[in-house]
Amino acid sequence: MTSTDSRLPFDELVAQVRQCRICEPQLPLGPRPVIQISRYARILVVGQAPGRRVHQTGLPFNDPSGDRLRDWMGISRETFYDERQLAILPMGFCYPGTGKSGDLPPRPECAPAWRDLLLERLEHLELTLVIGQYAHAWHLPGGKAPVTERVRRWREIWPEMLPLPHPSPRNNLWLRRNPWFEEEVIPELRKRVAGILGQ
């Protein structure tokens, strides 16, 4: 059961999220919300939903996608998993299962139940990384524009936000077809992250 009371103490809100069961009947491995959050975080990473490995370990982006994302950001695992620096809130907090061509989309119940309540508590954010089509559709203006189009227009919302393709190995072909992304966007991302974190 979720609470819509925005006055709920932060720690109690996070505890409710971690106990969430609203999608339980639809989750093949059962509920295990995986988030990383502190009210002091300065960078927010918005992904899709945990994969099977993340579900098993309870650690967000603990997979090859996370390795690439950390490389894009130019930070270590230690820095990435410092919740006081970096919050991680996927569009769906639990592993949704696997379909014909990869993991299923994030469950639609999750974001309406929790997203605004959590985001309004993150008052120190300086940069939000918005990863993949589902995160783009929720966080960015303009409806369901293609990921490539949104990423190409990254400067329109920079430096507060940055739309990114998913760092999954499944996107290797996209990266080869769009070399401008790693040539133009990644150096700016690394500079911005280093500036925010004082590195």
N, C-alpha and C. Protein backbone atom coordinates (compact mmCIF):
# COMPACT_ATOMS: atom_id res chain seq x y z
N MET A 1 0.85 -1.19 0.00
CA MET A 1 0.00 0.00 0.00
C MET A 1 0.89 1.24 0.00
N THR A 2 0.59 2.19 -0.86
CA THR A 2 1.41 3.38 -0.92
C THR A 2 0.73 4.52 -0.20
N SER A 3 1.55 5.46 0.25
CA SER A 3 1.04 6.68 0.86
C SER A 3 1.25 7.82 -0.10
N THR A 4 0.26 8.69 -0.21
CA THR A 4 0.41 9.85 -1.08
C THR A 4 0.68 11.10 -0.26
N ASP A 5 1.00 10.92 1.01
CA ASP A 5 1.27 12.05 1.89
C ASP A 5 2.70 12.52 1.69
N SER A 6 2.86 13.68 1.04
CA SER A 6 4.20 14.18 0.76
C SER A 6 4.89 14.68 2.02
N ARG A 7 4.17 14.74 3.14
CA ARG A 7 4.78 15.16 4.40
C ARG A 7 5.40 13.99 5.16
N LEU A 8 5.24 12.80 4.63
CA LEU A 8 5.81 11.62 5.27
C LEU A 8 7.32 11.80 5.40
N PRO A 9 7.90 11.51 6.56
CA PRO A 9 9.35 11.62 6.70
C PRO A 9 10.08 10.82 5.62
N PHE A 10 11.19 11.37 5.17
CA PHE A 10 11.93 10.78 4.05
C PHE A 10 12.26 9.31 4.30
N ASP A 11 12.79 9.00 5.47
CA ASP A 11 13.19 7.62 5.76
C ASP A 11 11.99 6.67 5.73
N GLU A 12 10.84 7.15 6.18
CA GLU A 12 9.64 6.31 6.15
C GLU A 12 9.17 6.09 4.71
N LEU A 13 9.27 7.12 3.89
CA LEU A 13 8.90 6.99 2.48
C LEU A 13 9.77 5.94 1.80
N VAL A 14 11.08 6.04 2.01
CA VAL A 14 12.00 5.08 1.39
C VAL A 14 11.72 3.67 1.91
N ALA A 15 11.41 3.54 3.19
CA ALA A 15 11.08 2.22 3.75
C ALA A 15 9.83 1.66 3.09
N GLN A 16 8.84 2.50 2.83
CA GLN A 16 7.63 2.05 2.14
C GLN A 16 7.95 1.57 0.73
N VAL A 17 8.80 2.32 0.04
CA VAL A 17 9.20 1.91 -1.32
C VAL A 17 9.85 0.54 -1.28
N ARG A 18 10.74 0.33 -0.34
CA ARG A 18 11.46 -0.94 -0.27
C ARG A 18 10.54 -2.11 0.10
N GLN A 19 9.39 -1.81 0.69
CA GLN A 19 8.41 -2.84 1.05
C GLN A 19 7.30 -2.98 0.00
N CYS A 20 7.38 -2.23 -1.08
CA CYS A 20 6.28 -2.17 -2.05
C CYS A 20 5.98 -3.55 -2.65
N ARG A 21 4.68 -3.83 -2.79
CA ARG A 21 4.24 -5.11 -3.36
C ARG A 21 3.14 -4.91 -4.41
N ILE A 22 2.97 -3.70 -4.93
CA ILE A 22 1.81 -3.44 -5.78
C ILE A 22 1.83 -4.23 -7.09
N CYS A 23 3.01 -4.66 -7.56
CA CYS A 23 3.09 -5.42 -8.82
C CYS A 23 3.31 -6.91 -8.58
N GLU A 24 3.26 -7.34 -7.34
CA GLU A 24 3.69 -8.70 -7.00
C GLU A 24 3.11 -9.79 -7.90
N PRO A 25 1.81 -9.77 -8.23
CA PRO A 25 1.27 -10.86 -9.07
C PRO A 25 1.89 -10.93 -10.46
N GLN A 26 2.44 -9.81 -10.95
CA GLN A 26 2.99 -9.77 -12.31
C GLN A 26 4.50 -10.00 -12.37
N LEU A 27 5.15 -10.14 -11.23
CA LEU A 27 6.61 -10.22 -11.20
C LEU A 27 7.07 -11.68 -11.11
N PRO A 28 7.79 -12.17 -12.13
CA PRO A 28 8.13 -13.60 -12.17
C PRO A 28 9.04 -14.04 -11.04
N LEU A 29 9.90 -13.15 -10.54
CA LEU A 29 10.79 -13.51 -9.44
C LEU A 29 10.36 -12.86 -8.13
N GLY A 30 9.18 -12.27 -8.12
CA GLY A 30 8.69 -11.62 -6.92
C GLY A 30 9.22 -10.20 -6.79
N PRO A 31 8.67 -9.43 -5.86
CA PRO A 31 9.10 -8.04 -5.70
C PRO A 31 10.44 -7.93 -4.98
N ARG A 32 11.29 -7.06 -5.49
CA ARG A 32 12.51 -6.66 -4.80
C ARG A 32 12.89 -5.27 -5.33
N PRO A 33 12.28 -4.22 -4.78
CA PRO A 33 12.59 -2.88 -5.26
C PRO A 33 14.08 -2.56 -5.07
N VAL A 34 14.70 -2.12 -6.16
CA VAL A 34 16.13 -1.80 -6.13
C VAL A 34 16.30 -0.32 -6.46
N ILE A 35 16.61 0.46 -5.44
CA ILE A 35 16.87 1.88 -5.62
C ILE A 35 18.07 2.27 -4.77
N GLN A 36 18.63 3.42 -5.09
CA GLN A 36 19.68 4.02 -4.27
C GLN A 36 19.30 5.49 -4.11
N ILE A 37 19.16 5.95 -2.88
CA ILE A 37 18.66 7.31 -2.71
C ILE A 37 19.11 7.92 -1.38
N SER A 38 19.43 9.17 -1.45
CA SER A 38 19.66 10.01 -0.28
C SER A 38 19.15 11.40 -0.64
N ARG A 39 18.60 12.09 0.31
CA ARG A 39 18.09 13.43 0.03
C ARG A 39 19.21 14.39 -0.35
N TYR A 40 20.46 14.01 -0.11
CA TYR A 40 21.60 14.88 -0.39
C TYR A 40 22.23 14.63 -1.76
N ALA A 41 21.73 13.64 -2.50
CA ALA A 41 22.33 13.28 -3.79
C ALA A 41 22.34 14.48 -4.74
N ARG A 42 23.41 14.58 -5.51
CA ARG A 42 23.57 15.69 -6.44
C ARG A 42 23.41 15.27 -7.90
N ILE A 43 23.53 13.97 -8.15
CA ILE A 43 23.31 13.41 -9.48
C ILE A 43 22.24 12.34 -9.37
N LEU A 44 21.30 12.36 -10.30
CA LEU A 44 20.25 11.33 -10.36
C LEU A 44 20.41 10.54 -11.65
N VAL A 45 20.43 9.22 -11.52
CA VAL A 45 20.44 8.32 -12.67
C VAL A 45 19.07 7.68 -12.78
N VAL A 46 18.42 7.90 -13.91
CA VAL A 46 17.08 7.35 -14.15
C VAL A 46 17.20 6.27 -15.22
N GLY A 47 17.06 5.02 -14.82
CA GLY A 47 17.14 3.91 -15.76
C GLY A 47 15.76 3.36 -16.10
N GLN A 48 15.74 2.13 -16.58
CA GLN A 48 14.50 1.49 -17.01
C GLN A 48 13.91 0.66 -15.86
N ALA A 49 14.52 -0.51 -15.64
CA ALA A 49 14.11 -1.41 -14.55
C ALA A 49 15.26 -2.37 -14.31
N PRO A 50 15.37 -2.93 -13.11
CA PRO A 50 16.47 -3.86 -12.84
C PRO A 50 16.41 -5.08 -13.75
N GLY A 51 17.58 -5.56 -14.16
CA GLY A 51 17.67 -6.84 -14.84
C GLY A 51 17.75 -7.97 -13.84
N ARG A 52 17.86 -9.18 -14.34
CA ARG A 52 17.88 -10.36 -13.46
C ARG A 52 19.06 -10.31 -12.48
N ARG A 53 20.24 -9.93 -12.98
CA ARG A 53 21.42 -9.91 -12.11
C ARG A 53 21.27 -8.85 -11.01
N VAL A 54 20.72 -7.71 -11.38
CA VAL A 54 20.49 -6.67 -10.37
C VAL A 54 19.47 -7.14 -9.35
N HIS A 55 18.43 -7.82 -9.81
CA HIS A 55 17.44 -8.38 -8.88
C HIS A 55 18.11 -9.32 -7.88
N GLN A 56 19.02 -10.15 -8.39
CA GLN A 56 19.66 -11.14 -7.54
C GLN A 56 20.58 -10.50 -6.50
N THR A 57 21.28 -9.44 -6.91
CA THR A 57 22.27 -8.83 -6.02
C THR A 57 21.71 -7.67 -5.21
N GLY A 58 20.62 -7.06 -5.69
CA GLY A 58 20.06 -5.90 -5.01
C GLY A 58 20.87 -4.63 -5.20
N LEU A 59 21.80 -4.65 -6.15
CA LEU A 59 22.68 -3.52 -6.39
C LEU A 59 22.40 -2.96 -7.79
N PRO A 60 21.93 -1.71 -7.91
CA PRO A 60 21.56 -1.18 -9.22
C PRO A 60 22.76 -1.07 -10.17
N PHE A 61 22.52 -1.36 -11.43
CA PHE A 61 23.54 -1.28 -12.47
C PHE A 61 24.77 -2.13 -12.14
N ASN A 62 24.55 -3.24 -11.47
CA ASN A 62 25.63 -4.17 -11.15
C ASN A 62 25.75 -5.20 -12.27
N ASP A 63 26.09 -4.70 -13.46
CA ASP A 63 26.10 -5.54 -14.66
C ASP A 63 26.90 -4.81 -15.74
N PRO A 64 27.05 -5.40 -16.92
CA PRO A 64 27.82 -4.73 -17.98
C PRO A 64 27.27 -3.35 -18.35
N SER A 65 25.95 -3.16 -18.26
CA SER A 65 25.39 -1.82 -18.52
C SER A 65 25.95 -0.82 -17.52
N GLY A 66 26.05 -1.22 -16.27
CA GLY A 66 26.60 -0.34 -15.25
C GLY A 66 28.06 -0.03 -15.48
N ASP A 67 28.82 -1.03 -15.94
CA ASP A 67 30.23 -0.80 -16.24
C ASP A 67 30.38 0.28 -17.31
N ARG A 68 29.57 0.18 -18.35
CA ARG A 68 29.65 1.18 -19.42
C ARG A 68 29.17 2.55 -18.93
N LEU A 69 28.10 2.58 -18.15
CA LEU A 69 27.60 3.86 -17.64
C LEU A 69 28.65 4.54 -16.77
N ARG A 70 29.30 3.78 -15.89
CA ARG A 70 30.35 4.37 -15.06
C ARG A 70 31.51 4.90 -15.90
N ASP A 71 31.81 4.18 -16.98
CA ASP A 71 32.85 4.66 -17.90
C ASP A 71 32.42 5.95 -18.57
N TRP A 72 31.17 6.00 -19.03
CA TRP A 72 30.67 7.24 -19.64
C TRP A 72 30.79 8.41 -18.66
N MET A 73 30.48 8.15 -17.39
CA MET A 73 30.51 9.21 -16.39
C MET A 73 31.92 9.53 -15.90
N GLY A 74 32.85 8.60 -16.12
CA GLY A 74 34.22 8.79 -15.68
C GLY A 74 34.40 8.65 -14.18
N ILE A 75 33.62 7.74 -13.56
CA ILE A 75 33.70 7.56 -12.11
C ILE A 75 33.89 6.10 -11.76
N SER A 76 34.35 5.87 -10.54
CA SER A 76 34.59 4.52 -10.03
C SER A 76 33.30 3.91 -9.50
N ARG A 77 33.34 2.60 -9.26
CA ARG A 77 32.21 1.93 -8.61
C ARG A 77 31.96 2.54 -7.24
N GLU A 78 33.03 2.83 -6.51
CA GLU A 78 32.89 3.39 -5.17
C GLU A 78 32.10 4.69 -5.19
N THR A 79 32.46 5.57 -6.12
CA THR A 79 31.74 6.85 -6.24
C THR A 79 30.31 6.62 -6.70
N PHE A 80 30.12 5.73 -7.65
CA PHE A 80 28.80 5.45 -8.21
C PHE A 80 27.84 4.97 -7.13
N TYR A 81 28.33 4.16 -6.21
CA TYR A 81 27.47 3.60 -5.17
C TYR A 81 27.48 4.40 -3.86
N ASP A 82 27.95 5.64 -3.92
CA ASP A 82 27.87 6.54 -2.78
C ASP A 82 26.53 7.27 -2.86
N GLU A 83 25.56 6.83 -2.07
CA GLU A 83 24.20 7.37 -2.19
C GLU A 83 24.11 8.86 -1.85
N ARG A 84 25.05 9.37 -1.10
CA ARG A 84 25.02 10.80 -0.78
C ARG A 84 25.42 11.64 -2.00
N GLN A 85 26.06 11.02 -2.96
CA GLN A 85 26.45 11.72 -4.18
C GLN A 85 25.49 11.43 -5.33
N LEU A 86 25.03 10.18 -5.41
CA LEU A 86 24.34 9.73 -6.61
C LEU A 86 23.12 8.90 -6.25
N ALA A 87 21.94 9.34 -6.70
CA ALA A 87 20.70 8.58 -6.53
C ALA A 87 20.41 7.80 -7.80
N ILE A 88 19.83 6.62 -7.64
CA ILE A 88 19.46 5.79 -8.78
C ILE A 88 18.00 5.38 -8.61
N LEU A 89 17.15 5.89 -9.50
CA LEU A 89 15.72 5.60 -9.45
C LEU A 89 15.25 5.15 -10.83
N PRO A 90 15.20 3.84 -11.07
CA PRO A 90 14.69 3.37 -12.36
C PRO A 90 13.20 3.65 -12.50
N MET A 91 12.69 3.55 -13.71
CA MET A 91 11.26 3.77 -13.95
C MET A 91 10.41 2.68 -13.30
N GLY A 92 10.94 1.50 -13.22
CA GLY A 92 10.32 0.41 -12.46
C GLY A 92 11.34 -0.10 -11.47
N PHE A 93 10.96 -0.27 -10.23
CA PHE A 93 11.94 -0.61 -9.20
C PHE A 93 12.23 -2.10 -9.11
N CYS A 94 11.38 -2.94 -9.71
CA CYS A 94 11.55 -4.39 -9.64
C CYS A 94 11.79 -4.99 -11.02
N TYR A 95 12.46 -6.13 -11.03
CA TYR A 95 12.71 -6.87 -12.28
C TYR A 95 11.38 -7.31 -12.89
N PRO A 96 11.10 -6.89 -14.14
CA PRO A 96 9.78 -7.17 -14.72
C PRO A 96 9.67 -8.51 -15.43
N GLY A 97 10.79 -9.21 -15.62
CA GLY A 97 10.76 -10.46 -16.38
C GLY A 97 11.34 -10.26 -17.77
N THR A 98 11.44 -11.36 -18.49
CA THR A 98 12.07 -11.35 -19.81
C THR A 98 11.05 -11.66 -20.89
N GLY A 99 11.16 -10.92 -22.01
CA GLY A 99 10.31 -11.15 -23.17
C GLY A 99 11.10 -11.77 -24.30
N LYS A 100 10.59 -11.65 -25.52
CA LYS A 100 11.22 -12.29 -26.68
C LYS A 100 12.56 -11.66 -27.03
N SER A 101 12.70 -10.35 -26.79
CA SER A 101 13.92 -9.66 -27.22
C SER A 101 14.59 -8.91 -26.08
N GLY A 102 14.56 -9.52 -24.91
CA GLY A 102 15.20 -8.88 -23.76
C GLY A 102 14.21 -8.71 -22.63
N ASP A 103 14.61 -7.93 -21.64
CA ASP A 103 13.74 -7.71 -20.49
C ASP A 103 12.48 -6.96 -20.88
N LEU A 104 11.40 -7.25 -20.17
CA LEU A 104 10.13 -6.57 -20.40
C LEU A 104 10.23 -5.10 -19.96
N PRO A 105 9.29 -4.26 -20.42
CA PRO A 105 9.29 -2.86 -19.98
C PRO A 105 9.07 -2.75 -18.48
N PRO A 106 9.42 -1.61 -17.89
CA PRO A 106 9.11 -1.39 -16.47
C PRO A 106 7.61 -1.53 -16.23
N ARG A 107 7.25 -2.07 -15.09
CA ARG A 107 5.83 -2.17 -14.76
C ARG A 107 5.22 -0.77 -14.69
N PRO A 108 4.01 -0.60 -15.26
CA PRO A 108 3.42 0.75 -15.32
C PRO A 108 2.90 1.26 -13.98
N GLU A 109 2.75 0.39 -12.99
CA GLU A 109 2.21 0.83 -11.70
C GLU A 109 3.22 1.62 -10.87
N CYS A 110 4.49 1.39 -11.10
CA CYS A 110 5.54 1.87 -10.21
C CYS A 110 5.69 3.39 -10.23
N ALA A 111 5.89 3.95 -11.39
CA ALA A 111 6.18 5.39 -11.47
C ALA A 111 5.05 6.25 -10.91
N PRO A 112 3.77 6.00 -11.27
CA PRO A 112 2.70 6.83 -10.69
C PRO A 112 2.60 6.72 -9.18
N ALA A 113 2.95 5.56 -8.64
CA ALA A 113 2.83 5.35 -7.20
C ALA A 113 3.91 6.09 -6.41
N TRP A 114 5.13 6.15 -6.96
CA TRP A 114 6.26 6.59 -6.13
C TRP A 114 7.08 7.75 -6.68
N ARG A 115 7.08 7.92 -7.99
CA ARG A 115 8.11 8.76 -8.61
C ARG A 115 8.09 10.20 -8.10
N ASP A 116 6.95 10.86 -8.17
CA ASP A 116 6.89 12.27 -7.76
C ASP A 116 7.20 12.43 -6.28
N LEU A 117 6.73 11.49 -5.46
CA LEU A 117 6.99 11.58 -4.02
C LEU A 117 8.48 11.54 -3.71
N LEU A 118 9.22 10.74 -4.46
CA LEU A 118 10.66 10.64 -4.23
C LEU A 118 11.40 11.83 -4.85
N LEU A 119 11.04 12.18 -6.07
CA LEU A 119 11.77 13.24 -6.77
C LEU A 119 11.65 14.58 -6.05
N GLU A 120 10.52 14.86 -5.45
CA GLU A 120 10.35 16.16 -4.79
C GLU A 120 11.23 16.29 -3.55
N ARG A 121 11.74 15.16 -3.05
CA ARG A 121 12.63 15.21 -1.88
C ARG A 121 14.10 15.44 -2.27
N LEU A 122 14.41 15.29 -3.56
CA LEU A 122 15.81 15.42 -4.00
C LEU A 122 16.08 16.88 -4.36
N GLU A 123 16.36 17.67 -3.34
CA GLU A 123 16.45 19.12 -3.50
C GLU A 123 17.84 19.61 -3.88
N HIS A 124 18.82 18.71 -3.93
CA HIS A 124 20.20 19.12 -4.20
C HIS A 124 20.69 18.67 -5.57
N LEU A 125 19.80 18.18 -6.41
CA LEU A 125 20.21 17.65 -7.71
C LEU A 125 20.77 18.76 -8.61
N GLU A 126 21.87 18.44 -9.27
CA GLU A 126 22.47 19.33 -10.25
C GLU A 126 22.45 18.72 -11.65
N LEU A 127 22.30 17.39 -11.73
CA LEU A 127 22.32 16.71 -13.03
C LEU A 127 21.45 15.46 -12.94
N THR A 128 20.60 15.27 -13.94
CA THR A 128 19.80 14.05 -14.05
C THR A 128 20.12 13.37 -15.37
N LEU A 129 20.56 12.12 -15.31
CA LEU A 129 20.85 11.32 -16.49
C LEU A 129 19.61 10.48 -16.79
N VAL A 130 19.03 10.67 -17.96
CA VAL A 130 17.75 10.04 -18.32
C VAL A 130 18.04 9.00 -19.39
N ILE A 131 17.91 7.72 -19.01
CA ILE A 131 18.43 6.63 -19.82
C ILE A 131 17.31 5.80 -20.44
N GLY A 132 17.26 5.77 -21.76
CA GLY A 132 16.34 4.90 -22.47
C GLY A 132 14.95 5.47 -22.66
N GLN A 133 14.17 4.80 -23.51
CA GLN A 133 12.91 5.36 -23.99
C GLN A 133 11.86 5.58 -22.90
N TYR A 134 11.77 4.68 -21.93
CA TYR A 134 10.72 4.83 -20.91
C TYR A 134 11.04 5.99 -19.98
N ALA A 135 12.30 6.14 -19.64
CA ALA A 135 12.72 7.28 -18.81
C ALA A 135 12.57 8.58 -19.60
N HIS A 136 12.92 8.56 -20.88
CA HIS A 136 12.75 9.75 -21.72
C HIS A 136 11.29 10.19 -21.73
N ALA A 137 10.40 9.24 -21.93
CA ALA A 137 8.97 9.57 -22.06
C ALA A 137 8.42 10.20 -20.79
N TRP A 138 8.91 9.79 -19.63
CA TRP A 138 8.41 10.32 -18.36
C TRP A 138 9.03 11.67 -18.02
N HIS A 139 10.33 11.79 -18.20
CA HIS A 139 11.07 12.93 -17.67
C HIS A 139 11.26 14.08 -18.65
N LEU A 140 11.16 13.83 -19.93
CA LEU A 140 11.51 14.86 -20.90
C LEU A 140 10.28 15.35 -21.65
N PRO A 141 10.27 16.62 -22.04
CA PRO A 141 9.14 17.15 -22.81
C PRO A 141 9.11 16.57 -24.21
N GLY A 142 7.95 16.57 -24.81
CA GLY A 142 7.86 16.18 -26.22
C GLY A 142 7.34 14.79 -26.48
N GLY A 143 6.73 14.15 -25.48
CA GLY A 143 6.12 12.86 -25.73
C GLY A 143 7.13 11.77 -26.02
N LYS A 144 6.75 10.87 -26.92
CA LYS A 144 7.56 9.66 -27.17
C LYS A 144 8.43 9.81 -28.41
N ALA A 145 9.26 10.82 -28.44
CA ALA A 145 10.21 10.98 -29.54
C ALA A 145 11.21 9.84 -29.51
N PRO A 146 11.76 9.45 -30.68
CA PRO A 146 12.76 8.38 -30.70
C PRO A 146 13.98 8.74 -29.84
N VAL A 147 14.59 7.72 -29.27
CA VAL A 147 15.75 7.93 -28.41
C VAL A 147 16.85 8.68 -29.14
N THR A 148 17.13 8.29 -30.38
CA THR A 148 18.22 8.94 -31.12
C THR A 148 17.95 10.43 -31.28
N GLU A 149 16.72 10.79 -31.58
CA GLU A 149 16.38 12.20 -31.75
C GLU A 149 16.57 12.96 -30.44
N ARG A 150 16.13 12.38 -29.35
CA ARG A 150 16.28 13.06 -28.06
C ARG A 150 17.76 13.24 -27.70
N VAL A 151 18.55 12.20 -27.93
CA VAL A 151 19.97 12.29 -27.58
C VAL A 151 20.67 13.31 -28.46
N ARG A 152 20.31 13.37 -29.73
CA ARG A 152 20.91 14.36 -30.64
C ARG A 152 20.63 15.79 -30.17
N ARG A 153 19.50 15.99 -29.53
CA ARG A 153 19.11 17.33 -29.09
C ARG A 153 19.48 17.56 -27.61
N TRP A 154 20.50 16.89 -27.16
CA TRP A 154 20.87 16.91 -25.74
C TRP A 154 21.16 18.31 -25.21
N ARG A 155 21.70 19.18 -26.05
CA ARG A 155 22.09 20.51 -25.58
C ARG A 155 20.88 21.36 -25.18
N GLU A 156 19.68 20.98 -25.62
CA GLU A 156 18.50 21.78 -25.31
C GLU A 156 18.16 21.75 -23.81
N ILE A 157 18.55 20.69 -23.11
CA ILE A 157 18.24 20.59 -21.67
C ILE A 157 19.51 20.49 -20.82
N TRP A 158 20.64 20.59 -21.46
CA TRP A 158 21.93 20.56 -20.77
C TRP A 158 22.18 21.92 -20.13
N PRO A 159 22.78 22.04 -18.95
CA PRO A 159 23.50 20.99 -18.21
C PRO A 159 22.72 20.38 -17.04
N GLU A 160 21.41 20.69 -16.92
CA GLU A 160 20.64 20.11 -15.81
C GLU A 160 20.25 18.65 -16.06
N MET A 161 20.01 18.31 -17.33
CA MET A 161 19.60 16.96 -17.68
C MET A 161 20.36 16.50 -18.91
N LEU A 162 20.46 15.18 -19.06
CA LEU A 162 21.10 14.61 -20.25
C LEU A 162 20.37 13.34 -20.64
N PRO A 163 19.76 13.32 -21.84
CA PRO A 163 19.16 12.08 -22.34
C PRO A 163 20.26 11.17 -22.88
N LEU A 164 20.20 9.90 -22.50
CA LEU A 164 21.20 8.93 -22.93
C LEU A 164 20.53 7.71 -23.54
N PRO A 165 21.22 7.04 -24.46
CA PRO A 165 20.77 5.71 -24.87
C PRO A 165 21.06 4.75 -23.73
N HIS A 166 20.48 3.58 -23.78
CA HIS A 166 20.79 2.61 -22.73
C HIS A 166 22.22 2.10 -22.93
N PRO A 167 22.98 2.00 -21.84
CA PRO A 167 24.37 1.54 -21.98
C PRO A 167 24.52 0.03 -22.14
N SER A 168 23.44 -0.67 -22.35
CA SER A 168 23.47 -2.12 -22.51
C SER A 168 24.34 -2.54 -23.70
N PRO A 169 25.02 -3.70 -23.58
CA PRO A 169 25.72 -4.25 -24.75
C PRO A 169 24.80 -4.45 -25.96
N ARG A 170 23.49 -4.57 -25.72
CA ARG A 170 22.55 -4.68 -26.84
C ARG A 170 22.55 -3.43 -27.73
N ASN A 171 23.10 -2.33 -27.19
CA ASN A 171 23.13 -1.08 -27.96
C ASN A 171 24.47 -0.84 -28.64
N ASN A 172 25.31 -1.85 -28.74
CA ASN A 172 26.60 -1.68 -29.41
C ASN A 172 26.43 -1.21 -30.85
N LEU A 173 25.44 -1.72 -31.54
CA LEU A 173 25.21 -1.32 -32.93
C LEU A 173 24.83 0.15 -32.99
N TRP A 174 23.97 0.61 -32.07
CA TRP A 174 23.60 2.03 -32.04
C TRP A 174 24.83 2.89 -31.84
N LEU A 175 25.71 2.49 -30.94
CA LEU A 175 26.92 3.27 -30.67
C LEU A 175 27.84 3.31 -31.89
N ARG A 176 27.92 2.21 -32.62
CA ARG A 176 28.75 2.21 -33.83
C ARG A 176 28.15 3.11 -34.90
N ARG A 177 26.83 3.15 -34.98
CA ARG A 177 26.17 3.97 -36.00
C ARG A 177 26.12 5.45 -35.63
N ASN A 178 26.36 5.75 -34.37
CA ASN A 178 26.28 7.14 -33.89
C ASN A 178 27.56 7.52 -33.16
N PRO A 179 28.70 7.54 -33.88
CA PRO A 179 29.97 7.82 -33.20
C PRO A 179 30.03 9.22 -32.58
N TRP A 180 29.21 10.15 -33.06
CA TRP A 180 29.16 11.50 -32.50
C TRP A 180 28.83 11.48 -31.01
N PHE A 181 28.08 10.45 -30.58
CA PHE A 181 27.68 10.41 -29.17
C PHE A 181 28.90 10.32 -28.26
N GLU A 182 29.78 9.36 -28.53
CA GLU A 182 30.95 9.20 -27.68
C GLU A 182 31.99 10.29 -27.95
N GLU A 183 31.95 10.89 -29.12
CA GLU A 183 32.92 11.95 -29.45
C GLU A 183 32.51 13.29 -28.84
N GLU A 184 31.20 13.58 -28.85
CA GLU A 184 30.73 14.90 -28.43
C GLU A 184 30.13 14.92 -27.02
N VAL A 185 29.29 13.94 -26.74
CA VAL A 185 28.51 13.97 -25.50
C VAL A 185 29.32 13.49 -24.30
N ILE A 186 30.01 12.37 -24.45
CA ILE A 186 30.69 11.76 -23.31
C ILE A 186 31.74 12.68 -22.68
N PRO A 187 32.58 13.37 -23.47
CA PRO A 187 33.54 14.28 -22.81
C PRO A 187 32.85 15.38 -21.99
N GLU A 188 31.72 15.89 -22.48
CA GLU A 188 30.99 16.92 -21.72
C GLU A 188 30.38 16.33 -20.46
N LEU A 189 29.87 15.11 -20.56
CA LEU A 189 29.31 14.44 -19.38
C LEU A 189 30.38 14.24 -18.32
N ARG A 190 31.55 13.77 -18.72
CA ARG A 190 32.62 13.53 -17.75
C ARG A 190 33.05 14.82 -17.06
N LYS A 191 33.15 15.90 -17.83
CA LYS A 191 33.54 17.18 -17.23
C LYS A 191 32.48 17.65 -16.23
N ARG A 192 31.23 17.50 -16.59
CA ARG A 192 30.13 17.94 -15.72
C ARG A 192 30.10 17.14 -14.43
N VAL A 193 30.22 15.83 -14.55
CA VAL A 193 30.20 14.96 -13.36
C VAL A 193 31.39 15.29 -12.46
N ALA A 194 32.57 15.45 -13.03
CA ALA A 194 33.75 15.76 -12.24
C ALA A 194 33.57 17.11 -11.52
N GLY A 195 32.96 18.06 -12.20
CA GLY A 195 32.73 19.36 -11.57
C GLY A 195 31.76 19.29 -10.40
N ILE A 196 30.70 18.52 -10.56
CA ILE A 196 29.70 18.39 -9.50
C ILE A 196 30.28 17.67 -8.29
N LEU A 197 31.06 16.61 -8.55
CA LEU A 197 31.58 15.80 -7.46
C LEU A 197 32.91 16.31 -6.93
N GLY A 198 33.41 17.38 -7.52
CA GLY A 198 34.65 17.97 -7.03
C GLY A 198 35.86 17.12 -7.29
N GLN A 199 35.85 16.38 -8.41
CA GLN A 199 36.96 15.49 -8.72
C GLN A 199 37.99 16.20 -9.60
